[in-house]
Amino acid sequence: MAGKAVSGPEALSTPLLFAVLQATFSDVHPFCDHILQSDQSAMDKGRPGWVGRKACARHVLTYSAGQLAASVAVTRTLGFRPSWSALLAGTAVNAVTHYVIDRREPLKKLLRGKVFDKSRYLERSTVQRRPGVVDDTGPGTALMECDQAAHRLIGVLASLTTAWIATRSVRRPGGPGR
C-alpha cells in the first residue's frame, strides 16, 4: 500500500493508534506546556482567585490547541482517520486534568495526602533563584517533577480514550469490517 492512505478497520487498530497518539502526546507535551505557554500565564496560573484561574485557562487553551493540531497532523500523515469526537475526547481528558494539575494546590494536596505522602519531598526539593527567596514551583523543584509525571500519566489515559473511541465501531458486532 505504498503511497496510499490506509483507511477502514485495518487502519484503526486500537494498539497501533494508541501507540501513535501516546508518542505524539508525550513528545509534544514539553513544547505545548512550556513554549506555547505565555510568560504571564506561567507566572500567574498558580495564583489564587480569578487571576490564576484565567491564566491557567489561557495556558490550557494554547496547550490543547497545540496537542490537537499535532494529533491531527500525525494521525492524518500516517493514514489514520480518527473521528473528531475521538480526538476531542482525548484533548478534553488532557485539558481538564491539565487545568487541575496546573492550579497547583489540588496537586499539592494530592501529593501530601496519605496515598503518596510526598510532603518531605515537596518541602526539601526547592530552588533559590533570587537571594533569600526559596521557590517551591518551577524547574528544579519536586512540584515541577510531580506536575510533569502527572501530565505524562494523564497522556496515557488521553491516548487510550482517543484510540478506544476511534476504534470502537470496528470492534462492535455488526460494525465496519464485521
N, C-alpha and C. Protein backbone atom coordinates (compact mmCIF):
# COMPACT_ATOMS: atom_id res chain seq x y z
N MET A 1 0.81 -1.20 0.00
CA MET A 1 0.00 0.00 0.00
C MET A 1 0.85 1.26 0.00
N ALA A 2 2.03 1.17 -0.56
CA ALA A 2 2.91 2.32 -0.57
C ALA A 2 2.26 3.50 -1.29
N GLY A 3 2.33 4.66 -0.66
CA GLY A 3 1.80 5.88 -1.25
C GLY A 3 0.31 6.05 -1.12
N LYS A 4 -0.37 5.08 -0.55
CA LYS A 4 -1.82 5.16 -0.43
C LYS A 4 -2.20 5.23 1.05
N ALA A 5 -3.10 6.13 1.39
CA ALA A 5 -3.54 6.25 2.78
C ALA A 5 -4.29 4.99 3.19
N VAL A 6 -3.95 4.47 4.36
CA VAL A 6 -4.63 3.30 4.89
C VAL A 6 -5.90 3.77 5.57
N SER A 7 -7.01 3.13 5.25
CA SER A 7 -8.26 3.52 5.89
C SER A 7 -9.06 2.27 6.20
N GLY A 8 -10.15 2.46 6.93
CA GLY A 8 -11.01 1.34 7.28
C GLY A 8 -10.50 0.62 8.51
N PRO A 9 -11.07 -0.56 8.78
CA PRO A 9 -10.73 -1.30 10.00
C PRO A 9 -9.25 -1.61 10.14
N GLU A 10 -8.57 -1.91 9.01
CA GLU A 10 -7.15 -2.25 9.11
C GLU A 10 -6.32 -1.06 9.60
N ALA A 11 -6.79 0.15 9.36
CA ALA A 11 -6.04 1.34 9.80
C ALA A 11 -6.34 1.71 11.24
N LEU A 12 -7.46 1.25 11.73
CA LEU A 12 -7.85 1.67 13.07
C LEU A 12 -7.59 0.60 14.12
N SER A 13 -6.43 0.00 14.03
CA SER A 13 -6.01 -0.94 15.05
C SER A 13 -5.82 -0.17 16.36
N THR A 14 -6.55 -0.57 17.38
CA THR A 14 -6.51 0.16 18.65
C THR A 14 -5.09 0.27 19.22
N PRO A 15 -4.33 -0.84 19.32
CA PRO A 15 -2.98 -0.71 19.89
C PRO A 15 -2.07 0.20 19.07
N LEU A 16 -2.16 0.10 17.76
CA LEU A 16 -1.31 0.94 16.92
C LEU A 16 -1.68 2.41 17.03
N LEU A 17 -2.97 2.70 16.98
CA LEU A 17 -3.41 4.09 17.13
C LEU A 17 -3.05 4.62 18.51
N PHE A 18 -3.22 3.79 19.54
CA PHE A 18 -2.81 4.19 20.89
C PHE A 18 -1.33 4.56 20.91
N ALA A 19 -0.49 3.72 20.31
CA ALA A 19 0.96 3.98 20.31
C ALA A 19 1.30 5.28 19.58
N VAL A 20 0.65 5.51 18.46
CA VAL A 20 0.88 6.74 17.70
C VAL A 20 0.48 7.96 18.53
N LEU A 21 -0.69 7.89 19.14
CA LEU A 21 -1.17 9.01 19.95
C LEU A 21 -0.31 9.22 21.19
N GLN A 22 0.08 8.12 21.84
CA GLN A 22 0.89 8.24 23.05
C GLN A 22 2.24 8.88 22.73
N ALA A 23 2.85 8.45 21.65
CA ALA A 23 4.13 9.06 21.26
C ALA A 23 3.94 10.54 20.94
N THR A 24 2.86 10.86 20.25
CA THR A 24 2.59 12.26 19.91
C THR A 24 2.34 13.09 21.15
N PHE A 25 1.44 12.63 22.02
CA PHE A 25 1.13 13.38 23.24
C PHE A 25 2.38 13.57 24.09
N SER A 26 3.16 12.50 24.23
CA SER A 26 4.35 12.57 25.07
C SER A 26 5.40 13.52 24.49
N ASP A 27 5.60 13.44 23.19
CA ASP A 27 6.67 14.24 22.59
C ASP A 27 6.30 15.70 22.37
N VAL A 28 5.02 16.00 22.17
CA VAL A 28 4.65 17.42 22.01
C VAL A 28 4.35 18.08 23.35
N HIS A 29 4.25 17.28 24.41
CA HIS A 29 3.92 17.85 25.72
C HIS A 29 4.87 18.98 26.14
N PRO A 30 6.19 18.78 26.13
CA PRO A 30 7.07 19.88 26.57
C PRO A 30 6.90 21.15 25.74
N PHE A 31 6.74 21.00 24.42
CA PHE A 31 6.54 22.17 23.57
C PHE A 31 5.25 22.89 23.93
N CYS A 32 4.17 22.14 24.03
CA CYS A 32 2.86 22.76 24.34
C CYS A 32 2.83 23.32 25.76
N ASP A 33 3.49 22.64 26.69
CA ASP A 33 3.43 23.04 28.09
C ASP A 33 4.36 24.20 28.42
N HIS A 34 5.48 24.31 27.73
CA HIS A 34 6.46 25.32 28.11
C HIS A 34 6.69 26.41 27.06
N ILE A 35 6.69 26.04 25.81
CA ILE A 35 7.00 27.01 24.77
C ILE A 35 5.75 27.76 24.31
N LEU A 36 4.64 27.06 24.12
CA LEU A 36 3.41 27.74 23.73
C LEU A 36 2.82 28.59 24.85
N GLN A 37 3.13 28.25 26.08
CA GLN A 37 2.59 28.98 27.23
C GLN A 37 3.23 30.37 27.32
N SER A 38 2.41 31.39 27.50
CA SER A 38 2.96 32.74 27.64
C SER A 38 3.66 32.88 28.99
N ASP A 39 4.60 33.80 29.05
CA ASP A 39 5.29 34.06 30.32
C ASP A 39 4.29 34.45 31.41
N GLN A 40 3.32 35.28 31.05
CA GLN A 40 2.35 35.75 32.03
C GLN A 40 1.51 34.59 32.58
N SER A 41 1.08 33.70 31.70
CA SER A 41 0.31 32.54 32.16
C SER A 41 1.15 31.67 33.08
N ALA A 42 2.41 31.47 32.72
CA ALA A 42 3.31 30.66 33.54
C ALA A 42 3.46 31.25 34.94
N MET A 43 3.56 32.57 35.01
CA MET A 43 3.75 33.23 36.30
C MET A 43 2.47 33.26 37.13
N ASP A 44 1.33 33.37 36.48
CA ASP A 44 0.08 33.61 37.20
C ASP A 44 -0.81 32.39 37.42
N LYS A 45 -0.63 31.31 36.69
CA LYS A 45 -1.61 30.22 36.70
C LYS A 45 -1.79 29.55 38.06
N GLY A 46 -0.84 29.66 38.94
CA GLY A 46 -0.98 29.09 40.27
C GLY A 46 -1.46 30.07 41.33
N ARG A 47 -1.66 31.34 40.93
CA ARG A 47 -2.11 32.35 41.89
C ARG A 47 -3.56 32.10 42.28
N PRO A 48 -3.93 32.52 43.46
CA PRO A 48 -5.33 32.35 43.87
C PRO A 48 -6.26 33.29 43.12
N GLY A 49 -7.52 32.97 43.11
CA GLY A 49 -8.55 33.84 42.55
C GLY A 49 -8.62 33.82 41.04
N TRP A 50 -9.34 34.85 40.53
CA TRP A 50 -9.61 34.92 39.10
C TRP A 50 -8.36 35.11 38.27
N VAL A 51 -7.37 35.79 38.80
CA VAL A 51 -6.12 36.00 38.04
C VAL A 51 -5.51 34.64 37.71
N GLY A 52 -5.40 33.78 38.70
CA GLY A 52 -4.83 32.45 38.50
C GLY A 52 -5.69 31.57 37.62
N ARG A 53 -6.99 31.61 37.84
CA ARG A 53 -7.90 30.77 37.04
C ARG A 53 -7.87 31.17 35.57
N LYS A 54 -7.89 32.48 35.30
CA LYS A 54 -7.85 32.94 33.91
C LYS A 54 -6.52 32.60 33.24
N ALA A 55 -5.43 32.80 33.96
CA ALA A 55 -4.11 32.48 33.40
C ALA A 55 -4.00 30.99 33.10
N CYS A 56 -4.50 30.17 34.00
CA CYS A 56 -4.45 28.73 33.79
C CYS A 56 -5.34 28.32 32.61
N ALA A 57 -6.50 28.93 32.50
CA ALA A 57 -7.40 28.64 31.38
C ALA A 57 -6.75 29.03 30.05
N ARG A 58 -6.07 30.17 30.01
CA ARG A 58 -5.36 30.59 28.78
C ARG A 58 -4.28 29.57 28.41
N HIS A 59 -3.55 29.14 29.41
CA HIS A 59 -2.49 28.15 29.17
C HIS A 59 -3.08 26.84 28.65
N VAL A 60 -4.14 26.37 29.28
CA VAL A 60 -4.76 25.11 28.86
C VAL A 60 -5.31 25.22 27.44
N LEU A 61 -5.82 26.38 27.09
CA LEU A 61 -6.33 26.59 25.73
C LEU A 61 -5.21 26.47 24.70
N THR A 62 -4.08 27.12 24.93
CA THR A 62 -2.98 27.03 23.97
C THR A 62 -2.37 25.63 23.98
N TYR A 63 -2.25 25.03 25.16
CA TYR A 63 -1.73 23.66 25.27
C TYR A 63 -2.61 22.70 24.46
N SER A 64 -3.91 22.79 24.67
CA SER A 64 -4.85 21.89 24.00
C SER A 64 -4.86 22.09 22.49
N ALA A 65 -4.78 23.34 22.05
CA ALA A 65 -4.74 23.62 20.61
C ALA A 65 -3.49 23.00 19.98
N GLY A 66 -2.37 23.14 20.65
CA GLY A 66 -1.13 22.55 20.14
C GLY A 66 -1.19 21.03 20.10
N GLN A 67 -1.72 20.44 21.15
CA GLN A 67 -1.84 18.99 21.22
C GLN A 67 -2.79 18.47 20.14
N LEU A 68 -3.92 19.13 19.97
CA LEU A 68 -4.90 18.70 18.97
C LEU A 68 -4.31 18.84 17.56
N ALA A 69 -3.65 19.94 17.29
CA ALA A 69 -3.04 20.14 15.97
C ALA A 69 -2.00 19.06 15.68
N ALA A 70 -1.17 18.74 16.66
CA ALA A 70 -0.17 17.69 16.47
C ALA A 70 -0.83 16.33 16.27
N SER A 71 -1.87 16.06 17.03
CA SER A 71 -2.58 14.77 16.91
C SER A 71 -3.17 14.61 15.52
N VAL A 72 -3.81 15.66 15.03
CA VAL A 72 -4.41 15.61 13.69
C VAL A 72 -3.31 15.45 12.63
N ALA A 73 -2.26 16.24 12.74
CA ALA A 73 -1.18 16.18 11.74
C ALA A 73 -0.54 14.79 11.69
N VAL A 74 -0.23 14.24 12.85
CA VAL A 74 0.45 12.94 12.88
C VAL A 74 -0.48 11.82 12.44
N THR A 75 -1.68 11.78 12.97
CA THR A 75 -2.58 10.68 12.59
C THR A 75 -2.93 10.74 11.10
N ARG A 76 -3.20 11.93 10.59
CA ARG A 76 -3.54 12.05 9.16
C ARG A 76 -2.33 11.68 8.28
N THR A 77 -1.16 12.13 8.67
CA THR A 77 0.04 11.81 7.90
C THR A 77 0.27 10.30 7.83
N LEU A 78 -0.04 9.60 8.91
CA LEU A 78 0.17 8.15 8.95
C LEU A 78 -1.02 7.36 8.40
N GLY A 79 -2.04 8.06 7.93
CA GLY A 79 -3.16 7.37 7.30
C GLY A 79 -4.31 7.03 8.22
N PHE A 80 -4.23 7.43 9.46
CA PHE A 80 -5.34 7.20 10.39
C PHE A 80 -6.37 8.30 10.21
N ARG A 81 -7.61 7.97 10.44
CA ARG A 81 -8.68 8.96 10.35
C ARG A 81 -9.58 8.86 11.58
N PRO A 82 -9.02 9.08 12.78
CA PRO A 82 -9.91 9.04 13.95
C PRO A 82 -10.94 10.16 13.85
N SER A 83 -12.12 9.89 14.37
CA SER A 83 -13.19 10.88 14.31
C SER A 83 -12.83 12.10 15.15
N TRP A 84 -13.49 13.21 14.83
CA TRP A 84 -13.29 14.42 15.62
C TRP A 84 -13.74 14.19 17.06
N SER A 85 -14.79 13.40 17.25
CA SER A 85 -15.25 13.15 18.62
C SER A 85 -14.18 12.40 19.41
N ALA A 86 -13.47 11.48 18.78
CA ALA A 86 -12.40 10.76 19.46
C ALA A 86 -11.24 11.70 19.79
N LEU A 87 -10.84 12.51 18.81
CA LEU A 87 -9.74 13.46 19.04
C LEU A 87 -10.09 14.48 20.11
N LEU A 88 -11.30 14.98 20.07
CA LEU A 88 -11.71 15.98 21.06
C LEU A 88 -11.87 15.37 22.44
N ALA A 89 -12.26 14.10 22.52
CA ALA A 89 -12.38 13.44 23.82
C ALA A 89 -11.00 13.32 24.48
N GLY A 90 -10.00 12.90 23.72
CA GLY A 90 -8.65 12.81 24.27
C GLY A 90 -8.10 14.17 24.67
N THR A 91 -8.39 15.16 23.85
CA THR A 91 -7.97 16.53 24.17
C THR A 91 -8.65 17.01 25.44
N ALA A 92 -9.92 16.68 25.60
CA ALA A 92 -10.66 17.09 26.80
C ALA A 92 -10.09 16.44 28.05
N VAL A 93 -9.73 15.16 27.96
CA VAL A 93 -9.11 14.48 29.11
C VAL A 93 -7.85 15.24 29.53
N ASN A 94 -7.00 15.57 28.57
CA ASN A 94 -5.78 16.31 28.88
C ASN A 94 -6.08 17.72 29.37
N ALA A 95 -7.04 18.39 28.76
CA ALA A 95 -7.33 19.79 29.11
C ALA A 95 -7.85 19.92 30.54
N VAL A 96 -8.85 19.13 30.87
CA VAL A 96 -9.46 19.23 32.21
C VAL A 96 -8.44 18.89 33.29
N THR A 97 -7.73 17.79 33.11
CA THR A 97 -6.76 17.39 34.13
C THR A 97 -5.57 18.35 34.16
N HIS A 98 -5.19 18.88 33.00
CA HIS A 98 -4.08 19.83 32.95
C HIS A 98 -4.42 21.08 33.78
N TYR A 99 -5.64 21.54 33.64
CA TYR A 99 -6.08 22.71 34.41
C TYR A 99 -5.97 22.42 35.91
N VAL A 100 -6.49 21.29 36.34
CA VAL A 100 -6.48 20.95 37.77
C VAL A 100 -5.05 20.84 38.28
N ILE A 101 -4.21 20.15 37.54
CA ILE A 101 -2.81 19.97 37.96
C ILE A 101 -2.09 21.31 38.01
N ASP A 102 -2.27 22.15 37.00
CA ASP A 102 -1.53 23.42 36.93
C ASP A 102 -2.04 24.50 37.87
N ARG A 103 -3.18 24.30 38.47
CA ARG A 103 -3.62 25.23 39.51
C ARG A 103 -2.80 25.03 40.78
N ARG A 104 -2.02 23.99 40.83
CA ARG A 104 -1.02 23.66 41.84
C ARG A 104 -1.57 23.15 43.16
N GLU A 105 -2.48 23.87 43.78
CA GLU A 105 -2.96 23.44 45.11
C GLU A 105 -3.62 22.06 45.10
N PRO A 106 -4.45 21.73 44.09
CA PRO A 106 -5.01 20.37 44.08
C PRO A 106 -3.92 19.30 43.98
N LEU A 107 -2.88 19.56 43.19
CA LEU A 107 -1.79 18.59 43.07
C LEU A 107 -1.02 18.49 44.38
N LYS A 108 -0.73 19.63 45.00
CA LYS A 108 -0.03 19.61 46.30
C LYS A 108 -0.83 18.83 47.33
N LYS A 109 -2.13 19.05 47.36
CA LYS A 109 -2.99 18.34 48.32
C LYS A 109 -2.93 16.83 48.08
N LEU A 110 -3.01 16.43 46.82
CA LEU A 110 -2.94 15.01 46.48
C LEU A 110 -1.59 14.42 46.88
N LEU A 111 -0.52 15.14 46.57
CA LEU A 111 0.82 14.64 46.87
C LEU A 111 1.11 14.57 48.36
N ARG A 112 0.53 15.47 49.13
CA ARG A 112 0.75 15.47 50.59
C ARG A 112 -0.15 14.48 51.32
N GLY A 113 -1.14 13.95 50.64
CA GLY A 113 -2.10 13.03 51.25
C GLY A 113 -1.47 11.68 51.59
N LYS A 114 -2.26 10.85 52.23
CA LYS A 114 -1.78 9.55 52.70
C LYS A 114 -1.39 8.61 51.57
N VAL A 115 -2.03 8.74 50.43
CA VAL A 115 -1.73 7.82 49.32
C VAL A 115 -0.29 7.98 48.84
N PHE A 116 0.17 9.21 48.64
CA PHE A 116 1.51 9.45 48.11
C PHE A 116 2.51 9.92 49.17
N ASP A 117 2.05 10.65 50.16
CA ASP A 117 2.89 11.11 51.27
C ASP A 117 4.21 11.73 50.81
N LYS A 118 4.13 12.75 49.96
CA LYS A 118 5.31 13.41 49.40
C LYS A 118 5.61 14.75 50.07
N SER A 119 5.12 14.97 51.27
CA SER A 119 5.32 16.25 51.96
C SER A 119 6.79 16.61 52.09
N ARG A 120 7.60 15.68 52.57
CA ARG A 120 9.03 15.97 52.77
C ARG A 120 9.72 16.25 51.44
N TYR A 121 9.38 15.50 50.43
CA TYR A 121 9.96 15.70 49.10
C TYR A 121 9.62 17.09 48.58
N LEU A 122 8.36 17.49 48.71
CA LEU A 122 7.94 18.82 48.26
C LEU A 122 8.65 19.93 49.03
N GLU A 123 8.84 19.73 50.33
CA GLU A 123 9.48 20.75 51.18
C GLU A 123 10.98 20.85 50.92
N ARG A 124 11.63 19.73 50.66
CA ARG A 124 13.08 19.72 50.52
C ARG A 124 13.58 20.02 49.11
N SER A 125 12.79 19.68 48.12
CA SER A 125 13.24 19.86 46.74
C SER A 125 12.71 21.18 46.19
N THR A 126 13.37 22.25 46.61
CA THR A 126 13.02 23.60 46.19
C THR A 126 14.26 24.24 45.56
N VAL A 127 14.13 25.45 45.06
CA VAL A 127 15.27 26.14 44.47
C VAL A 127 15.31 27.58 44.98
N GLN A 128 16.50 28.16 44.92
CA GLN A 128 16.65 29.57 45.25
C GLN A 128 17.15 30.27 43.99
N ARG A 129 16.28 31.04 43.39
CA ARG A 129 16.62 31.75 42.16
C ARG A 129 17.02 33.20 42.43
N ARG A 130 16.52 33.74 43.53
CA ARG A 130 16.83 35.11 43.94
C ARG A 130 17.32 35.05 45.39
N PRO A 131 18.23 35.91 45.75
CA PRO A 131 18.75 35.88 47.12
C PRO A 131 17.62 35.95 48.16
N GLY A 132 17.62 34.99 49.06
CA GLY A 132 16.66 34.99 50.16
C GLY A 132 15.26 34.50 49.82
N VAL A 133 15.02 34.11 48.58
CA VAL A 133 13.68 33.66 48.18
C VAL A 133 13.76 32.21 47.72
N VAL A 134 13.06 31.35 48.42
CA VAL A 134 13.01 29.94 48.06
C VAL A 134 11.72 29.67 47.31
N ASP A 135 11.85 29.13 46.10
CA ASP A 135 10.68 28.81 45.27
C ASP A 135 10.37 27.33 45.38
N ASP A 136 9.09 27.01 45.50
CA ASP A 136 8.70 25.60 45.51
C ASP A 136 8.02 25.19 44.20
N THR A 137 8.03 26.09 43.21
CA THR A 137 7.47 25.77 41.90
C THR A 137 8.49 26.07 40.82
N GLY A 138 8.28 25.54 39.66
CA GLY A 138 9.15 25.79 38.52
C GLY A 138 10.26 24.77 38.40
N PRO A 139 11.11 24.94 37.39
CA PRO A 139 12.17 23.99 37.12
C PRO A 139 13.06 23.74 38.33
N GLY A 140 13.39 22.47 38.53
CA GLY A 140 14.26 22.09 39.63
C GLY A 140 13.55 21.76 40.92
N THR A 141 12.24 21.86 40.96
CA THR A 141 11.50 21.60 42.19
C THR A 141 10.76 20.26 42.13
N ALA A 142 10.47 19.73 43.30
CA ALA A 142 9.69 18.49 43.38
C ALA A 142 8.31 18.69 42.76
N LEU A 143 7.72 19.84 42.99
CA LEU A 143 6.38 20.08 42.44
C LEU A 143 6.41 20.03 40.92
N MET A 144 7.43 20.60 40.30
CA MET A 144 7.53 20.57 38.84
C MET A 144 7.71 19.13 38.35
N GLU A 145 8.54 18.36 39.03
CA GLU A 145 8.74 16.96 38.63
C GLU A 145 7.44 16.17 38.75
N CYS A 146 6.73 16.37 39.84
CA CYS A 146 5.45 15.66 40.03
C CYS A 146 4.39 16.14 39.05
N ASP A 147 4.40 17.43 38.74
CA ASP A 147 3.50 18.00 37.74
C ASP A 147 3.71 17.31 36.39
N GLN A 148 4.96 17.22 35.98
CA GLN A 148 5.26 16.59 34.70
C GLN A 148 4.92 15.10 34.70
N ALA A 149 5.18 14.42 35.81
CA ALA A 149 4.84 13.00 35.91
C ALA A 149 3.33 12.80 35.80
N ALA A 150 2.57 13.66 36.45
CA ALA A 150 1.10 13.56 36.38
C ALA A 150 0.61 13.82 34.96
N HIS A 151 1.15 14.83 34.30
CA HIS A 151 0.75 15.12 32.92
C HIS A 151 1.04 13.93 32.00
N ARG A 152 2.19 13.31 32.18
CA ARG A 152 2.55 12.17 31.32
C ARG A 152 1.63 10.98 31.58
N LEU A 153 1.29 10.75 32.84
CA LEU A 153 0.36 9.67 33.16
C LEU A 153 -1.00 9.94 32.53
N ILE A 154 -1.46 11.16 32.63
CA ILE A 154 -2.75 11.53 32.03
C ILE A 154 -2.70 11.39 30.51
N GLY A 155 -1.54 11.65 29.92
CA GLY A 155 -1.38 11.47 28.48
C GLY A 155 -1.67 10.04 28.05
N VAL A 156 -1.31 9.07 28.89
CA VAL A 156 -1.63 7.67 28.59
C VAL A 156 -3.14 7.48 28.56
N LEU A 157 -3.83 8.03 29.55
CA LEU A 157 -5.29 7.92 29.60
C LEU A 157 -5.93 8.63 28.40
N ALA A 158 -5.42 9.79 28.04
CA ALA A 158 -5.96 10.52 26.89
C ALA A 158 -5.74 9.75 25.59
N SER A 159 -4.57 9.15 25.44
CA SER A 159 -4.30 8.33 24.25
C SER A 159 -5.22 7.13 24.18
N LEU A 160 -5.39 6.48 25.31
CA LEU A 160 -6.27 5.31 25.38
C LEU A 160 -7.72 5.70 25.07
N THR A 161 -8.17 6.81 25.63
CA THR A 161 -9.53 7.29 25.38
C THR A 161 -9.74 7.56 23.90
N THR A 162 -8.81 8.27 23.29
CA THR A 162 -8.93 8.60 21.87
C THR A 162 -8.94 7.34 21.01
N ALA A 163 -8.00 6.43 21.27
CA ALA A 163 -7.92 5.20 20.47
C ALA A 163 -9.17 4.35 20.65
N TRP A 164 -9.66 4.24 21.87
CA TRP A 164 -10.84 3.41 22.13
C TRP A 164 -12.07 3.98 21.40
N ILE A 165 -12.28 5.27 21.52
CA ILE A 165 -13.45 5.88 20.85
C ILE A 165 -13.30 5.76 19.33
N ALA A 166 -12.10 5.98 18.83
CA ALA A 166 -11.88 5.94 17.37
C ALA A 166 -12.10 4.55 16.79
N THR A 167 -11.83 3.52 17.56
CA THR A 167 -11.88 2.16 17.01
C THR A 167 -13.06 1.34 17.52
N ARG A 168 -13.88 1.86 18.37
CA ARG A 168 -14.94 1.04 18.97
C ARG A 168 -15.96 0.55 17.96
N SER A 169 -16.27 1.32 16.93
CA SER A 169 -17.25 0.84 15.95
C SER A 169 -16.68 -0.34 15.16
N VAL A 170 -15.37 -0.39 15.02
CA VAL A 170 -14.74 -1.52 14.32
C VAL A 170 -14.87 -2.79 15.15
N ARG A 171 -14.83 -2.65 16.47
CA ARG A 171 -14.89 -3.82 17.36
C ARG A 171 -16.31 -4.29 17.63
N ARG A 172 -17.30 -3.42 17.45
CA ARG A 172 -18.69 -3.79 17.75
C ARG A 172 -19.21 -4.81 16.75
N PRO A 173 -19.96 -5.81 17.25
CA PRO A 173 -20.59 -6.75 16.31
C PRO A 173 -21.46 -5.96 15.34
N GLY A 174 -21.29 -6.24 14.08
CA GLY A 174 -22.07 -5.54 13.06
C GLY A 174 -21.44 -4.23 12.64
N GLY A 175 -20.33 -3.83 13.31
CA GLY A 175 -19.65 -2.59 12.94
C GLY A 175 -18.89 -2.77 11.64
N PRO A 176 -18.26 -1.75 11.16
CA PRO A 176 -17.50 -1.84 9.90
C PRO A 176 -16.48 -2.98 9.97
N GLY A 177 -16.39 -3.72 8.91
CA GLY A 177 -15.42 -4.81 8.85
C GLY A 177 -15.93 -6.10 9.45
N ARG A 178 -17.16 -6.16 9.92
CA ARG A 178 -17.71 -7.38 10.53
C ARG A 178 -18.66 -8.06 9.59
